[in-house]
């Protein structure tokens, strides 16, 4: 199945589900055709809300489990000395440019 046919299939299935869900949620709009769905239409709201709450709770549970079971980081053998990285930096260093770079600068001006 190529990408286009898969895309069309997903689109058609989604539209069918959207129409079915709308009919399930609001059966009274269609008269007596879907009158048998009226007692069940409240579940069109309840089921997605319950699923959303449980998905959020599952994510929180997963985060808590991960935090509880992950060991703490191992301390470094030697502390980091960040100042030593910049000791060799010379502020008065004169960057040399080549003639080509100088010509490029002149052309830009």
Foldseek 3Di string as FASTA:
>chain_A
DDPVVVVVVVVVVVVVVVVVLVCLQCVVVVPPPVPVSVVVNVVSVVVVVVVVVVVVVVVVVVVVVCVVPDDDDDDDPDDDDVVVVCPPPDPPDDDDDDPVVVVVVVVVD
